[in-house]
């Protein structure tokens, strides 16, 4: 019996296309933020705390930074989740690492938002 042309059985969570798109879209958002930050940085004026505080004082820059924080957390989650799923075989250890990763990312995002809006 020939195995040529037989259907391949695919197992797993089938996250492929969605995760690929998430990684690309969040990377584009982070690149756009970098360009916006560079434009702000290259504006005339002395470099110092006042200049950096002025950049992040406007509401549109705070909103763009919030989008960056969410994008970065989502980008990191997809990557780390894939690493845990691919390389950690014991289910309990994998679950613990995924929970730790989620808690860490949410904590970092919360802290960044707190710093951004001085809450």
C-alpha atoms as a PDB file:
ATOM      1  CA  UNK A   1       0.000   0.000   0.000  1.00  0.00           C
ATOM      2  CA  UNK A   2       1.393   3.369  -1.018  1.00  0.00           C
ATOM      3  CA  UNK A   3       1.364   6.326   1.390  1.00  0.00           C
ATOM      4  CA  UNK A   4       1.805   8.794  -1.438  1.00  0.00           C
ATOM      5  CA  UNK A   5      -1.120  11.171  -1.568  1.00  0.00           C
ATOM      6  CA  UNK A   6      -2.710   9.991   1.652  1.00  0.00           C
ATOM      7  CA  UNK A   7      -4.274  12.550   3.906  1.00  0.00           C
ATOM      8  CA  UNK A   8      -2.051  13.766   6.672  1.00  0.00           C
ATOM      9  CA  UNK A   9      -3.606  13.812  10.120  1.00  0.00           C
ATOM     10  CA  UNK A  10      -3.020  17.191  11.688  1.00  0.00           C
ATOM     11  CA  UNK A  11      -3.202  17.457  15.430  1.00  0.00           C
ATOM     12  CA  UNK A  12      -2.838  20.402  17.750  1.00  0.00           C
ATOM     13  CA  UNK A  13      -4.748  23.516  18.553  1.00  0.00           C
ATOM     14  CA  UNK A  14      -4.822  24.890  14.969  1.00  0.00           C
ATOM     15  CA  UNK A  15      -3.651  28.368  15.970  1.00  0.00           C
ATOM     16  CA  UNK A  16      -1.371  28.702  12.931  1.00  0.00           C
ATOM     17  CA  UNK A  17      -2.829  31.392  10.680  1.00  0.00           C
ATOM     18  CA  UNK A  18      -4.320  33.469  13.490  1.00  0.00           C
ATOM     19  CA  UNK A  19      -1.042  33.475  15.429  1.00  0.00           C
ATOM     20  CA  UNK A  20       0.939  34.276  12.311  1.00  0.00           C
ATOM     21  CA  UNK A  21      -1.343  37.253  11.610  1.00  0.00           C
ATOM     22  CA  UNK A  22      -1.199  38.441  15.224  1.00  0.00           C
ATOM     23  CA  UNK A  23       2.598  38.349  15.173  1.00  0.00           C
ATOM     24  CA  UNK A  24       2.749  40.342  11.923  1.00  0.00           C
ATOM     25  CA  UNK A  25       0.081  42.899  12.838  1.00  0.00           C
ATOM     26  CA  UNK A  26       1.545  43.578  16.288  1.00  0.00           C
ATOM     27  CA  UNK A  27       5.027  43.861  14.744  1.00  0.00           C
ATOM     28  CA  UNK A  28       3.722  46.472  12.285  1.00  0.00           C
ATOM     29  CA  UNK A  29       2.062  48.399  15.124  1.00  0.00           C
ATOM     30  CA  UNK A  30       5.314  48.363  17.102  1.00  0.00           C
ATOM     31  CA  UNK A  31       7.230  49.556  14.026  1.00  0.00           C
ATOM     32  CA  UNK A  32       4.743  52.404  13.516  1.00  0.00           C
ATOM     33  CA  UNK A  33       5.154  53.419  17.148  1.00  0.00           C
ATOM     34  CA  UNK A  34       8.929  53.431  16.710  1.00  0.00           C
ATOM     35  CA  UNK A  35       8.618  55.710  13.689  1.00  0.00           C
ATOM     36  CA  UNK A  36       6.256  58.053  15.572  1.00  0.00           C
ATOM     37  CA  UNK A  37       8.655  58.130  18.529  1.00  0.00           C
ATOM     38  CA  UNK A  38      11.621  58.858  16.266  1.00  0.00           C
ATOM     39  CA  UNK A  39       9.729  61.705  14.595  1.00  0.00           C
ATOM     40  CA  UNK A  40       8.958  63.175  18.011  1.00  0.00           C
ATOM     41  CA  UNK A  41      12.557  62.646  19.127  1.00  0.00           C
ATOM     42  CA  UNK A  42      13.987  64.388  16.067  1.00  0.00           C
ATOM     43  CA  UNK A  43      11.891  67.509  16.605  1.00  0.00           C
ATOM     44  CA  UNK A  44      13.963  70.557  17.519  1.00  0.00           C
ATOM     45  CA  UNK A  45      14.661  71.155  21.170  1.00  0.00           C
ATOM     46  CA  UNK A  46      17.066  70.213  23.908  1.00  0.00           C
ATOM     47  CA  UNK A  47      17.207  66.545  24.838  1.00  0.00           C
ATOM     48  CA  UNK A  48      16.339  65.988  28.454  1.00  0.00           C
ATOM     49  CA  UNK A  49      13.577  65.063  30.829  1.00  0.00           C
ATOM     50  CA  UNK A  50      11.387  67.966  29.743  1.00  0.00           C
ATOM     51  CA  UNK A  51      11.605  66.874  26.106  1.00  0.00           C
ATOM     52  CA  UNK A  52      10.688  63.246  26.913  1.00  0.00           C
ATOM     53  CA  UNK A  53       7.914  64.323  29.280  1.00  0.00           C
ATOM     54  CA  UNK A  54       6.601  66.627  26.562  1.00  0.00           C
ATOM     55  CA  UNK A  55       6.511  63.793  24.053  1.00  0.00           C
ATOM     56  CA  UNK A  56       4.319  61.660  26.302  1.00  0.00           C
ATOM     57  CA  UNK A  57       2.193  64.548  27.621  1.00  0.00           C
ATOM     58  CA  UNK A  58      -0.180  64.608  24.666  1.00  0.00           C
ATOM     59  CA  UNK A  59      -3.186  62.302  24.763  1.00  0.00           C
ATOM     60  CA  UNK A  60      -2.595  60.878  21.267  1.00  0.00           C
ATOM     61  CA  UNK A  61       0.902  59.745  22.251  1.00  0.00           C
ATOM     62  CA  UNK A  62      -0.413  58.154  25.455  1.00  0.00           C
ATOM     63  CA  UNK A  63      -3.053  56.334  23.406  1.00  0.00           C
ATOM     64  CA  UNK A  64      -0.477  55.205  20.858  1.00  0.00           C
ATOM     65  CA  UNK A  65       1.764  54.010  23.699  1.00  0.00           C
ATOM     66  CA  UNK A  66      -1.167  52.100  25.204  1.00  0.00           C
ATOM     67  CA  UNK A  67      -1.711  50.395  21.836  1.00  0.00           C
ATOM     68  CA  UNK A  68       2.003  49.553  21.810  1.00  0.00           C
ATOM     69  CA  UNK A  69       1.826  48.057  25.305  1.00  0.00           C
ATOM     70  CA  UNK A  70      -1.130  45.854  24.360  1.00  0.00           C
ATOM     71  CA  UNK A  71       0.543  44.874  21.081  1.00  0.00           C
ATOM     72  CA  UNK A  72       3.804  44.019  22.806  1.00  0.00           C
ATOM     73  CA  UNK A  73       2.055  41.920  25.450  1.00  0.00           C
ATOM     74  CA  UNK A  74       0.004  40.056  22.837  1.00  0.00           C
ATOM     75  CA  UNK A  75       3.076  39.545  20.623  1.00  0.00           C
ATOM     76  CA  UNK A  76       5.052  38.187  23.572  1.00  0.00           C
ATOM     77  CA  UNK A  77       2.174  35.954  24.676  1.00  0.00           C
ATOM     78  CA  UNK A  78       1.817  34.312  21.272  1.00  0.00           C
ATOM     79  CA  UNK A  79       5.553  33.697  21.053  1.00  0.00           C
ATOM     80  CA  UNK A  80       5.958  32.361  24.586  1.00  0.00           C
ATOM     81  CA  UNK A  81       2.834  30.226  24.383  1.00  0.00           C
ATOM     82  CA  UNK A  82       4.156  28.617  21.211  1.00  0.00           C
ATOM     83  CA  UNK A  83       7.519  27.987  22.858  1.00  0.00           C
ATOM     84  CA  UNK A  84       5.858  26.375  25.894  1.00  0.00           C
ATOM     85  CA  UNK A  85       3.584  24.256  23.684  1.00  0.00           C
ATOM     86  CA  UNK A  86       6.451  23.112  21.450  1.00  0.00           C
ATOM     87  CA  UNK A  87       9.188  22.408  23.975  1.00  0.00           C
ATOM     88  CA  UNK A  88       7.579  21.630  27.349  1.00  0.00           C
ATOM     89  CA  UNK A  89       5.965  18.199  27.297  1.00  0.00           C
ATOM     90  CA  UNK A  90       4.578  17.702  30.853  1.00  0.00           C
ATOM     91  CA  UNK A  91       1.127  19.273  30.826  1.00  0.00           C
ATOM     92  CA  UNK A  92       1.279  20.513  34.412  1.00  0.00           C
ATOM     93  CA  UNK A  93       4.608  22.257  33.927  1.00  0.00           C
ATOM     94  CA  UNK A  94       3.417  23.759  30.638  1.00  0.00           C
ATOM     95  CA  UNK A  95       0.237  25.065  32.276  1.00  0.00           C
ATOM     96  CA  UNK A  96       2.212  26.555  35.158  1.00  0.00           C
ATOM     97  CA  UNK A  97       4.596  28.289  32.758  1.00  0.00           C
ATOM     98  CA  UNK A  98       1.710  29.630  30.681  1.00  0.00           C
ATOM     99  CA  UNK A  99      -0.073  30.965  33.771  1.00  0.00           C
ATOM    100  CA  UNK A 100       3.163  32.540  35.010  1.00  0.00           C
ATOM    101  CA  UNK A 101       3.727  34.119  31.591  1.00  0.00           C
ATOM    102  CA  UNK A 102       0.192  35.551  31.501  1.00  0.00           C
ATOM    103  CA  UNK A 103       0.459  36.931  35.030  1.00  0.00           C
ATOM    104  CA  UNK A 104       3.862  38.443  34.237  1.00  0.00           C
ATOM    105  CA  UNK A 105       2.668  40.065  30.995  1.00  0.00           C
ATOM    106  CA  UNK A 106      -0.500  41.461  32.572  1.00  0.00           C
ATOM    107  CA  UNK A 107       1.552  42.769  35.493  1.00  0.00           C
ATOM    108  CA  UNK A 108       4.071  44.438  33.178  1.00  0.00           C
ATOM    109  CA  UNK A 109       1.290  45.955  31.067  1.00  0.00           C
ATOM    110  CA  UNK A 110      -0.491  47.199  34.196  1.00  0.00           C
ATOM    111  CA  UNK A 111       2.703  48.735  35.522  1.00  0.00           C
ATOM    112  CA  UNK A 112       3.413  50.414  32.170  1.00  0.00           C
ATOM    113  CA  UNK A 113      -0.101  51.867  32.077  1.00  0.00           C
ATOM    114  CA  UNK A 114       0.295  53.073  35.654  1.00  0.00           C
ATOM    115  CA  UNK A 115       3.538  54.841  34.710  1.00  0.00           C
ATOM    116  CA  UNK A 116       2.049  56.229  31.499  1.00  0.00           C
ATOM    117  CA  UNK A 117      -1.036  57.774  33.108  1.00  0.00           C
ATOM    118  CA  UNK A 118       0.596  58.334  36.534  1.00  0.00           C
ATOM    119  CA  UNK A 119      -2.097  56.380  38.357  1.00  0.00           C
END
